């Protein structure tokens, strides 16, 4: 049995817990009136086993805990140790077996501690190899940044001139170069940058339509990824949405007859990954711009993915080109930085200078503005567009430009380097996905590496790839694990080969 004596500690007023883990008691002896029979620890009851659990201090003295503490620190190692002991205690209570020795309990607690440590490490953001073929993969961070954008982030990670004019030695304008580049590339008079496109739309409606009405087509009140509904965000601005037309057909006259003295703004929203086909119609951007001018209203377009260049040569059609919207007379346009643009997460607003100035002066802008890291990455990305080298430098642009022939050749060369005899590989025709809500009805042709293993199910094989270092994110199709090299950079191919050859 266990005898516990509590006494005042000598340091810091702490209590000193003295535990005698085992006390030999002869069958004829009695302590405090309790006749204790002889008991073997290995055959003790569940309650006895629980008493033999190692303390947190004992667990922290094991080699496993010492190694973990060196990585995460003693404080968090203690948290993990408590979780581990709690988990072992729960296992014992639920188990029908009570034959656990002291050493077994320590080993089980160490194993649980290691498991808790690995679980915590796995929850951290890590670099992954995207072999899914989804170019703008929201779950994997959307657009991968260019090498120059990555270097720019590292360069400004310390102190930087984000809001300091080096020429005059005085306070400077935040994001000035990024905004200048955006205006140059879109033809807009002015621009401002916030943390994402939803924030951009929310900010515009807050500034110009709070307490008033916004006219929008029913066909554009869409829900996109992650249960994100456009109207749910927009109404938080304090504006009232006035729906016009029907889901599939909206006419210019529908907007016109809905406009009243409370109308502040006409809104057009890009439907993202939703498309209406067949018997459908909607006014053009230029028609809506003309109506807004006639009525003295602001016309705002939420363009979503935000293409700066014409991507029709790659088969991507129907995505708004920002410069075209500005030329058509749209007053304000918002678009994403981390989708077709290929930069960091950002919501970019472009348009008439007097309107952008009002946005910049609104208190909410300071809440939603971006930091030096986003500005640096965005500048590097935009400069590639200005130089005309976006297809070579920006990963999203480069991936979109790859043809099926090029991908087939890459897949064949990759296949030749595989040396794992247990891995069966075929090169099959397939399709990639643009992702990020862009061009949902277009899936470019590609060449897929289809994998199978004699001792592993597709699910186990996919799990193994997903838990490799770095993690390889693949997909399962027709009973095989498939890899699409469209979204695997050439610099990642050697890592991917090593992982596959080691399975």
Protein backbone atom coordinates (compact mmCIF):
# COMPACT_ATOMS: atom_id res chain seq x y z
CA UNK A 1 0.00 0.00 0.00
CA UNK A 2 1.02 3.68 -0.12
CA UNK A 3 1.55 5.96 2.86
CA UNK A 4 1.44 9.69 2.16
CA UNK A 5 2.87 12.21 4.61
CA UNK A 6 2.34 15.91 4.09
CA UNK A 7 4.78 18.32 5.65
CA UNK A 8 5.76 21.93 5.25
CA UNK A 9 8.49 22.33 2.66
CA UNK A 10 11.65 24.24 3.43
CA UNK A 11 11.71 26.26 0.19
CA UNK A 12 9.15 28.79 -1.02
CA UNK A 13 6.49 27.60 1.41
CA UNK A 14 5.78 24.60 -0.84
CA UNK A 15 4.36 21.39 0.52
CA UNK A 16 6.64 18.42 0.51
CA UNK A 17 5.01 15.23 -0.61
CA UNK A 18 6.70 12.13 0.77
CA UNK A 19 5.49 8.99 -0.84
CA UNK A 20 6.46 5.52 0.25
CA UNK A 21 5.58 3.62 -2.89
CA UNK A 22 5.71 0.19 -1.28
CA UNK A 23 5.50 -0.86 2.34
CA UNK A 24 6.05 -4.47 3.29
CA UNK A 25 3.31 -5.48 5.68
CA UNK A 26 3.22 -8.89 7.29
CA UNK A 27 -0.11 -10.60 7.23
CA UNK A 28 -0.50 -10.35 11.03
CA UNK A 29 0.33 -6.66 11.16
CA UNK A 30 -2.17 -3.84 11.17
CA UNK A 31 -1.80 -0.16 10.42
CA UNK A 32 -4.50 2.22 11.58
CA UNK A 33 -6.79 -0.74 12.11
CA UNK A 34 -6.45 -1.99 8.49
CA UNK A 35 -5.41 -5.61 8.03
CA UNK A 36 -3.44 -5.57 4.77
CA UNK A 37 -3.04 -8.87 2.97
CA UNK A 38 0.14 -9.53 1.04
CA UNK A 39 -0.25 -8.26 -2.52
CA UNK A 40 1.91 -8.67 -5.59
CA UNK A 41 2.16 -5.45 -7.61
CA UNK A 42 1.69 -7.35 -10.89
CA UNK A 43 -1.69 -8.66 -9.77
CA UNK A 44 -2.95 -5.56 -7.95
CA UNK A 45 -6.41 -4.17 -8.50
CA UNK A 46 -7.07 -1.32 -10.95
CA UNK A 47 -7.02 1.15 -8.07
CA UNK A 48 -3.68 -0.23 -6.98
CA UNK A 49 -2.29 0.14 -10.47
CA UNK A 50 -3.45 3.72 -10.56
CA UNK A 51 -1.55 4.34 -7.33
CA UNK A 52 1.59 3.06 -9.04
CA UNK A 53 1.44 5.55 -11.90
CA UNK A 54 4.66 7.58 -12.08
CA UNK A 55 4.46 11.15 -10.90
CA UNK A 56 4.99 14.03 -13.31
CA UNK A 57 8.47 14.54 -11.84
CA UNK A 58 9.36 10.88 -12.35
CA UNK A 59 8.20 10.99 -15.95
CA UNK A 60 10.15 14.20 -16.59
CA UNK A 61 13.34 12.45 -15.43
CA UNK A 62 13.11 9.81 -18.18
CA UNK A 63 15.32 10.04 -21.27
CA UNK A 64 12.27 10.57 -23.47
CA UNK A 65 11.11 13.56 -21.44
CA UNK A 66 14.58 15.06 -21.23
CA UNK A 67 14.88 14.91 -25.01
CA UNK A 68 11.45 16.48 -25.49
CA UNK A 69 12.16 19.22 -22.93
CA UNK A 70 15.32 20.14 -24.84
CA UNK A 71 13.11 20.88 -27.85
CA UNK A 72 9.99 22.48 -26.34
CA UNK A 73 11.19 23.65 -22.93
CA UNK A 74 10.57 22.29 -19.45
CA UNK A 75 7.30 24.17 -18.96
CA UNK A 76 5.56 22.70 -22.00
CA UNK A 77 7.19 19.29 -21.45
CA UNK A 78 5.48 19.33 -18.04
CA UNK A 79 2.14 20.06 -19.71
CA UNK A 80 2.69 17.12 -22.07
CA UNK A 81 3.72 14.87 -19.17
CA UNK A 82 0.47 15.65 -17.34
CA UNK A 83 -1.50 14.86 -20.50
CA UNK A 84 0.39 11.58 -20.90
CA UNK A 85 -0.26 10.42 -17.33
CA UNK A 86 -3.90 11.42 -17.62
CA UNK A 87 -4.18 9.34 -20.81
CA UNK A 88 -2.55 6.28 -19.19
CA UNK A 89 -4.84 6.65 -16.16
CA UNK A 90 -7.84 6.70 -18.49
CA UNK A 91 -6.56 3.59 -20.32
CA UNK A 92 -6.16 1.69 -17.05
CA UNK A 93 -9.66 2.52 -15.91
CA UNK A 94 -11.11 1.34 -19.21
CA UNK A 95 -8.94 -1.77 -19.40
CA UNK A 96 -10.00 -5.16 -18.07
CA UNK A 97 -6.39 -6.14 -17.41
CA UNK A 98 -4.88 -5.18 -14.06
CA UNK A 99 -1.51 -6.95 -14.44
CA UNK A 100 0.74 -3.96 -15.04
CA UNK A 101 4.13 -3.68 -13.37
CA UNK A 102 5.76 -0.42 -12.34
CA UNK A 103 8.28 -0.48 -15.20
CA UNK A 104 5.45 -1.15 -17.66
CA UNK A 105 3.62 1.91 -16.38
CA UNK A 106 6.67 4.11 -16.82
CA UNK A 107 7.19 2.80 -20.37
CA UNK A 108 3.53 3.35 -21.22
CA UNK A 109 3.71 6.86 -19.82
CA UNK A 110 6.84 7.57 -21.89
CA UNK A 111 5.10 6.28 -25.01
CA UNK A 112 2.08 8.48 -24.32
CA UNK A 113 4.38 11.44 -23.71
CA UNK A 114 6.08 10.85 -27.05
CA UNK A 115 2.68 10.55 -28.71
CA UNK A 116 1.52 13.87 -27.21
CA UNK A 117 4.75 15.50 -28.35
CA UNK A 118 4.35 14.24 -31.92
CA UNK A 119 0.71 15.34 -31.96
CA UNK A 120 1.76 18.85 -30.97
CA UNK A 121 4.54 18.95 -33.57
CA UNK A 122 2.15 17.74 -36.27
CA UNK A 123 -0.23 20.61 -35.56
CA UNK A 124 2.38 23.20 -36.56
CA UNK A 125 2.32 24.78 -40.02
CA UNK A 126 4.81 22.89 -42.16
CA UNK A 127 6.03 22.98 -45.71
CA UNK A 128 4.33 20.36 -47.86
CA UNK A 129 4.74 19.09 -51.40
CA UNK A 130 1.49 19.67 -53.25
CA UNK A 131 1.05 16.74 -55.64
CA UNK A 132 -2.73 17.11 -55.94
CA UNK A 133 -2.73 19.10 -59.16
CA UNK A 134 -4.87 21.81 -57.54
CA UNK A 135 -2.92 24.95 -58.39
CA UNK A 136 -4.52 27.45 -55.99
CA UNK A 137 -5.12 25.05 -53.10
CA UNK A 138 -6.86 26.93 -50.27
CA UNK A 139 -6.05 24.26 -47.66
CA UNK A 140 -2.37 24.37 -48.62
CA UNK A 141 -1.99 28.14 -48.47
CA UNK A 142 -3.29 29.09 -51.93
CA UNK A 143 -0.62 30.57 -54.20
CA UNK A 144 2.99 29.52 -53.51
CA UNK A 145 5.24 32.56 -53.55
CA UNK A 146 8.01 33.19 -56.07
CA UNK A 147 11.64 32.88 -55.03
CA UNK A 148 12.02 36.65 -55.17
CA UNK A 149 8.96 37.11 -52.97
CA UNK A 150 10.37 34.65 -50.43
CA UNK A 151 13.71 36.44 -50.38
CA UNK A 152 11.92 39.77 -49.97
CA UNK A 153 10.12 38.43 -46.88
CA UNK A 154 13.39 37.35 -45.30
CA UNK A 155 15.00 40.69 -46.19
CA UNK A 156 12.36 42.77 -44.34
CA UNK A 157 11.77 40.35 -41.45
CA UNK A 158 13.85 42.56 -39.17
CA UNK A 159 13.60 46.33 -39.19
CA UNK A 160 12.46 47.74 -42.52
CA UNK A 161 11.44 50.98 -44.23
CA UNK A 162 7.78 49.96 -44.29
CA UNK A 163 6.67 53.39 -43.10
CA UNK A 164 9.86 55.43 -43.34
CA UNK A 165 11.09 57.66 -46.18
CA UNK A 166 14.80 56.99 -46.55
CA UNK A 167 15.29 60.00 -48.86
CA UNK A 168 13.90 62.58 -46.42
CA UNK A 169 14.49 60.77 -43.15
CA UNK A 170 10.85 61.30 -42.16
CA UNK A 171 7.76 59.16 -41.81
CA UNK A 172 6.75 57.62 -45.12
CA UNK A 173 3.57 56.22 -46.65
CA UNK A 174 2.86 52.56 -45.92
CA UNK A 175 2.69 50.37 -49.04
CA UNK A 176 3.51 53.19 -51.42
CA UNK A 177 5.53 51.14 -53.90
CA UNK A 178 3.05 48.24 -53.95
CA UNK A 179 0.17 50.62 -54.57
CA UNK A 180 2.08 52.39 -57.32
CA UNK A 181 2.76 49.09 -59.07
CA UNK A 182 -0.89 48.06 -58.82
CA UNK A 183 -2.03 51.32 -60.41
CA UNK A 184 0.53 50.94 -63.17
CA UNK A 185 -0.63 47.39 -63.96
CA UNK A 186 -4.38 48.02 -63.74
CA UNK A 187 -4.71 51.57 -65.01
CA UNK A 188 -6.45 52.63 -61.81
CA UNK A 189 -6.02 56.10 -60.32
CA UNK A 190 -5.33 54.79 -56.82
CA UNK A 191 -5.17 51.60 -54.76
CA UNK A 192 -5.16 50.44 -51.17
CA UNK A 193 -4.33 47.04 -49.67
CA UNK A 194 -6.03 45.17 -46.82
CA UNK A 195 -5.70 41.64 -45.49
CA UNK A 196 -8.04 39.74 -47.84
CA UNK A 197 -10.75 40.23 -50.43
CA UNK A 198 -13.60 39.71 -47.96
CA UNK A 199 -12.13 42.50 -45.83
CA UNK A 200 -11.90 44.68 -48.94
CA UNK A 201 -15.60 44.21 -49.75
CA UNK A 202 -16.59 44.74 -46.12
CA UNK A 203 -14.52 47.93 -45.95
CA UNK A 204 -15.95 49.39 -49.16
CA UNK A 205 -19.54 48.80 -48.05
CA UNK A 206 -18.82 50.17 -44.58
CA UNK A 207 -17.34 53.37 -45.97
CA UNK A 208 -19.89 54.03 -48.69
CA UNK A 209 -23.10 52.18 -47.83
CA UNK A 210 -23.49 51.87 -44.05
CA UNK A 211 -27.10 52.73 -43.27
CA UNK A 212 -28.02 52.70 -46.95
CA UNK A 213 -28.93 50.16 -49.61
CA UNK A 214 -26.76 48.12 -51.96
CA UNK A 215 -28.30 46.62 -55.10
CA UNK A 216 -27.02 43.16 -56.09
CA UNK A 217 -28.21 40.35 -58.36
CA UNK A 218 -29.69 37.26 -56.68
CA UNK A 219 -27.40 35.14 -58.81
CA UNK A 220 -24.36 36.64 -57.08
CA UNK A 221 -25.35 36.01 -53.45
CA UNK A 222 -23.17 32.92 -53.35
CA UNK A 223 -21.56 30.70 -50.75
CA UNK A 224 -17.93 29.78 -51.36
CA UNK A 225 -15.44 27.61 -49.45
CA UNK A 226 -15.58 27.07 -45.69
CA UNK A 227 -19.28 27.99 -45.32
CA UNK A 228 -18.38 31.56 -46.28
CA UNK A 229 -21.46 33.35 -47.55
CA UNK A 230 -21.08 36.67 -49.36
CA UNK A 231 -24.26 38.25 -47.89
CA UNK A 232 -23.32 37.29 -44.32
CA UNK A 233 -20.19 39.42 -44.54
CA UNK A 234 -21.68 42.28 -46.48
CA UNK A 235 -24.60 42.89 -44.12
CA UNK A 236 -22.14 43.28 -41.23
CA UNK A 237 -21.09 46.54 -42.86
CA UNK A 238 -24.43 48.08 -41.87
CA UNK A 239 -25.67 48.13 -45.44
CA UNK A 240 -28.99 46.66 -46.55
CA UNK A 241 -28.73 44.34 -49.55
CA UNK A 242 -31.49 44.75 -52.13
CA UNK A 243 -31.70 41.64 -54.30
CA UNK A 244 -32.78 42.02 -57.91
CA UNK A 245 -33.60 39.66 -60.75
CA UNK A 246 -33.74 35.89 -60.42
CA UNK A 247 -31.06 33.31 -59.78
CA UNK A 248 -30.35 32.77 -63.47
CA UNK A 249 -31.49 35.98 -65.18
CA UNK A 250 -31.00 39.57 -64.12
CA UNK A 251 -31.60 42.53 -66.43
CA UNK A 252 -30.33 46.10 -66.27
CA UNK A 253 -33.95 47.21 -65.81
CA UNK A 254 -34.09 45.17 -62.58
CA UNK A 255 -31.33 47.34 -61.13
CA UNK A 256 -32.85 50.53 -62.46
CA UNK A 257 -36.31 50.06 -61.00
CA UNK A 258 -34.89 49.10 -57.58
CA UNK A 259 -32.76 52.23 -57.20
CA UNK A 260 -34.27 54.74 -54.77
CA UNK A 261 -33.22 57.63 -52.53
CA UNK A 262 -31.58 55.18 -50.08
CA UNK A 263 -29.44 53.46 -52.69
CA UNK A 264 -25.72 54.10 -52.18
CA UNK A 265 -24.03 51.56 -54.34
CA UNK A 266 -24.40 49.01 -57.14
CA UNK A 267 -22.51 45.80 -56.45
CA UNK A 268 -21.33 43.04 -58.77
CA UNK A 269 -19.78 39.93 -57.19
CA UNK A 270 -17.74 37.36 -59.08
CA UNK A 271 -19.42 33.98 -58.36
CA UNK A 272 -16.08 32.25 -57.65
CA UNK A 273 -16.50 28.46 -57.87
CA UNK A 274 -20.17 28.73 -58.82
CA UNK A 275 -21.45 29.00 -62.37
CA UNK A 276 -24.90 29.44 -63.94
CA UNK A 277 -25.12 28.04 -67.46
CA UNK A 278 -27.89 27.58 -69.98
CA UNK A 279 -30.84 29.95 -69.83
CA UNK A 280 -29.12 32.82 -68.06
CA UNK A 281 -28.19 36.46 -68.54
CA UNK A 282 -26.75 39.42 -66.65
CA UNK A 283 -25.85 43.01 -67.50
CA UNK A 284 -22.28 43.67 -68.58
CA UNK A 285 -19.84 45.56 -66.40
CA UNK A 286 -19.93 48.55 -68.76
CA UNK A 287 -23.76 48.62 -68.67
CA UNK A 288 -23.79 48.69 -64.88
CA UNK A 289 -21.05 51.34 -64.84
CA UNK A 290 -23.15 53.50 -67.17
CA UNK A 291 -26.25 53.11 -65.00
CA UNK A 292 -24.28 54.02 -61.86
CA UNK A 293 -22.96 57.20 -63.51
CA UNK A 294 -26.43 58.14 -64.70
CA UNK A 295 -27.88 57.77 -61.19
CA UNK A 296 -24.91 59.32 -59.39
CA UNK A 297 -24.05 56.08 -57.59
CA UNK A 298 -20.85 54.19 -56.90
CA UNK A 299 -20.37 50.97 -58.84
CA UNK A 300 -18.27 48.41 -56.96
CA UNK A 301 -17.08 45.09 -58.37
CA UNK A 302 -15.80 42.26 -56.18
CA UNK A 303 -13.71 40.51 -58.83
CA UNK A 304 -12.61 37.61 -56.63
CA UNK A 305 -9.55 35.83 -58.01
CA UNK A 306 -8.07 38.93 -59.58
CA UNK A 307 -6.32 38.22 -62.88
CA UNK A 308 -3.89 40.91 -63.97
CA UNK A 309 -3.29 39.33 -67.37
CA UNK A 310 -5.39 37.52 -69.95
CA UNK A 311 -5.19 33.80 -69.16
CA UNK A 312 -7.34 32.62 -72.06
CA UNK A 313 -4.28 31.18 -73.83
CA UNK A 314 -4.13 28.62 -71.00
CA UNK A 315 -7.83 27.84 -71.35
CA UNK A 316 -8.97 30.02 -68.43
CA UNK A 317 -11.90 32.18 -69.48
CA UNK A 318 -14.56 34.14 -67.67
CA UNK A 319 -12.26 35.49 -64.96
CA UNK A 320 -12.41 39.29 -64.62
CA UNK A 321 -9.27 41.10 -65.77
CA UNK A 322 -8.87 44.08 -63.45
CA UNK A 323 -7.64 46.50 -66.08
CA UNK A 324 -10.69 45.69 -68.24
CA UNK A 325 -13.02 46.55 -65.35
CA UNK A 326 -11.28 49.89 -64.80
CA UNK A 327 -11.51 50.71 -68.51
CA UNK A 328 -15.22 49.79 -68.44
CA UNK A 329 -15.82 52.50 -65.84
CA UNK A 330 -16.07 50.56 -62.58
CA UNK A 331 -15.51 53.00 -59.70
CA UNK A 332 -13.96 50.49 -57.29
CA UNK A 333 -12.70 46.94 -57.86
CA UNK A 334 -11.54 44.50 -55.16
CA UNK A 335 -9.56 41.32 -55.83
CA UNK A 336 -7.35 38.76 -54.09
CA UNK A 337 -3.58 38.78 -53.93
CA UNK A 338 -3.07 35.07 -53.31
CA UNK A 339 -5.07 33.48 -56.12
CA UNK A 340 -4.47 34.02 -59.83
CA UNK A 341 -2.21 36.96 -59.03
CA UNK A 342 0.18 34.50 -57.36
CA UNK A 343 1.19 36.65 -54.40
CA UNK A 344 0.58 36.77 -50.64
CA UNK A 345 -2.81 36.92 -48.98
CA UNK A 346 -4.20 40.40 -49.55
CA UNK A 347 -7.36 42.22 -50.55
CA UNK A 348 -6.53 44.85 -53.15
CA UNK A 349 -8.89 47.76 -53.84
CA UNK A 350 -8.36 49.88 -56.95
CA UNK A 351 -10.36 52.71 -58.47
CA UNK A 352 -11.05 56.42 -58.41
CA UNK A 353 -8.61 58.36 -56.26
CA UNK A 354 -11.20 60.34 -54.29
CA UNK A 355 -12.96 57.11 -53.28
CA UNK A 356 -9.74 55.31 -52.37
CA UNK A 357 -8.72 58.32 -50.25
CA UNK A 358 -11.97 58.02 -48.28
CA UNK A 359 -11.25 54.33 -47.68
CA UNK A 360 -7.74 55.09 -46.48
CA UNK A 361 -8.98 57.71 -44.01
CA UNK A 362 -11.62 55.44 -42.48
CA UNK A 363 -10.65 54.05 -39.01
CA UNK A 364 -11.46 50.51 -40.15
CA UNK A 365 -8.65 50.63 -42.71
CA UNK A 366 -6.08 50.58 -39.91
CA UNK A 367 -7.76 47.50 -38.49
CA UNK A 368 -7.61 45.66 -41.80
CA UNK A 369 -4.30 46.81 -43.30
CA UNK A 370 -1.45 44.39 -43.98
CA UNK A 371 2.03 44.18 -42.49
CA UNK A 372 5.53 44.60 -43.90
CA UNK A 373 5.76 40.91 -44.85
CA UNK A 374 2.74 41.11 -47.16
CA UNK A 375 3.93 44.36 -48.71
CA UNK A 376 7.37 42.94 -49.44
CA UNK A 377 6.02 39.75 -51.04
CA UNK A 378 3.44 41.69 -53.03
CA UNK A 379 6.03 44.14 -54.37
CA UNK A 380 8.24 41.30 -55.59
CA UNK A 381 5.27 39.58 -57.23
CA UNK A 382 4.02 42.72 -58.96
CA UNK A 383 7.47 43.61 -60.25
CA UNK A 384 7.52 40.31 -62.17
CA UNK A 385 4.34 41.42 -63.95
CA UNK A 386 5.88 44.79 -64.75
CA UNK A 387 8.96 43.14 -66.23
CA UNK A 388 6.84 40.72 -68.24
CA UNK A 389 8.44 37.70 -66.54
CA UNK A 390 5.43 36.54 -64.49
CA UNK A 391 5.14 33.25 -66.39
CA UNK A 392 8.75 32.37 -65.56
CA UNK A 393 8.92 33.74 -62.01
CA UNK A 394 5.50 33.29 -60.40
CA UNK A 395 4.68 29.63 -59.59
CA UNK A 396 0.92 29.92 -60.24
CA UNK A 397 1.53 31.46 -63.66
CA UNK A 398 4.17 28.86 -64.49
CA UNK A 399 1.93 25.96 -63.42
CA UNK A 400 -0.99 27.28 -65.46
CA UNK A 401 1.22 27.55 -68.54
CA UNK A 402 2.38 23.91 -68.46
CA UNK A 403 0.99 21.80 -71.31
CA UNK A 404 0.06 18.14 -71.16
CA UNK A 405 3.05 17.34 -73.39
CA UNK A 406 5.45 19.04 -71.00
CA UNK A 407 3.93 17.28 -68.01
CA UNK A 408 4.04 13.91 -69.77
CA UNK A 409 7.74 14.38 -70.43
CA UNK A 410 8.39 15.34 -66.81
CA UNK A 411 6.40 12.33 -65.57
CA UNK A 412 8.38 9.97 -67.85
CA UNK A 413 11.73 11.30 -66.60
CA UNK A 414 10.52 11.10 -63.02
CA UNK A 415 9.36 7.51 -63.56
CA UNK A 416 12.82 6.50 -64.82
CA UNK A 417 14.40 7.64 -61.55
CA UNK A 418 12.13 5.54 -59.32
CA UNK A 419 14.02 2.57 -57.88
CA UNK A 420 11.49 1.19 -55.40
CA UNK A 421 10.74 -2.32 -56.70
CA UNK A 422 7.65 -2.64 -54.49
CA UNK A 423 6.03 0.43 -55.96
CA UNK A 424 3.92 -0.07 -59.07
CA UNK A 425 3.69 3.11 -61.15
CA UNK A 426 1.74 3.97 -64.27
CA UNK A 427 1.52 7.23 -66.20
CA UNK A 428 -2.12 7.99 -66.95
CA UNK A 429 -4.00 10.84 -68.56
CA UNK A 430 -5.84 13.07 -66.13
CA UNK A 431 -6.90 16.59 -65.26
CA UNK A 432 -5.60 19.28 -62.93
CA UNK A 433 -7.76 21.86 -61.15
CA UNK A 434 -7.24 25.63 -60.99
CA UNK A 435 -8.71 25.98 -57.46
CA UNK A 436 -9.29 29.05 -55.34
CA UNK A 437 -12.71 29.54 -56.88
CA UNK A 438 -11.22 30.36 -60.28
CA UNK A 439 -12.44 28.78 -63.52
CA UNK A 440 -14.33 25.88 -61.87
CA UNK A 441 -15.51 24.59 -65.24
CA UNK A 442 -11.98 24.30 -66.67
CA UNK A 443 -9.68 21.40 -65.80
CA UNK A 444 -6.45 21.41 -67.80
CA UNK A 445 -5.16 18.09 -69.12
CA UNK A 446 -2.22 16.57 -67.31
CA UNK A 447 -0.21 13.37 -66.85
CA UNK A 448 -0.74 11.53 -63.56
CA UNK A 449 1.61 9.15 -61.78
CA UNK A 450 -0.68 6.39 -60.47
CA UNK A 451 0.88 4.46 -57.55
CA UNK A 452 0.06 1.15 -55.89
CA UNK A 453 1.91 -1.05 -53.38
CA UNK A 454 1.46 -4.81 -52.79
CA UNK A 455 1.47 -4.45 -49.01
CA UNK A 456 -0.30 -1.13 -48.61
CA UNK A 457 -3.85 -0.11 -49.40
CA UNK A 458 -4.28 3.19 -51.25
CA UNK A 459 -5.38 4.75 -47.97
CA UNK A 460 -2.29 3.52 -46.10
CA UNK A 461 -0.03 4.62 -48.94
CA UNK A 462 -1.60 8.08 -49.00
CA UNK A 463 -1.29 8.24 -45.19
CA UNK A 464 2.40 7.37 -45.39
CA UNK A 465 3.06 10.09 -47.94
CA UNK A 466 1.09 12.59 -45.88
CA UNK A 467 3.19 11.79 -42.81
CA UNK A 468 6.56 11.87 -44.52
CA UNK A 469 9.08 14.71 -44.19
CA UNK A 470 8.19 16.89 -45.95
CA UNK A 471 4.56 15.81 -46.17
CA UNK A 472 3.40 14.84 -49.65
CA UNK A 473 -0.24 15.70 -50.30
CA UNK A 474 -1.71 13.43 -52.97
CA UNK A 475 -5.17 12.19 -53.91
CA UNK A 476 -6.77 8.80 -54.47
CA UNK A 477 -8.54 8.05 -57.73
CA UNK A 478 -9.85 4.73 -59.04
CA UNK A 479 -8.18 2.76 -56.26
CA UNK A 480 -4.72 4.24 -56.70
CA UNK A 481 -2.74 7.11 -55.23
CA UNK A 482 -2.14 9.70 -57.95
CA UNK A 483 0.47 12.44 -58.14
CA UNK A 484 0.22 15.42 -60.49
CA UNK A 485 3.58 17.05 -61.17
CA UNK A 486 1.91 20.25 -62.34
CA UNK A 487 1.92 21.49 -58.74
CA UNK A 488 5.29 19.96 -57.81
CA UNK A 489 8.17 22.33 -58.52
CA UNK A 490 11.22 20.89 -60.24
CA UNK A 491 13.26 21.75 -57.14
CA UNK A 492 11.01 19.42 -55.11
CA UNK A 493 11.31 16.40 -57.40
CA UNK A 494 14.42 14.94 -55.72
CA UNK A 495 12.74 15.09 -52.31
CA UNK A 496 9.64 13.41 -53.73
CA UNK A 497 11.77 10.69 -55.33
CA UNK A 498 13.58 9.97 -52.07
CA UNK A 499 10.29 9.65 -50.21
CA UNK A 500 8.78 7.30 -52.82
CA UNK A 501 11.93 5.16 -53.04
CA UNK A 502 11.95 4.75 -49.25
CA UNK A 503 8.39 3.39 -48.99
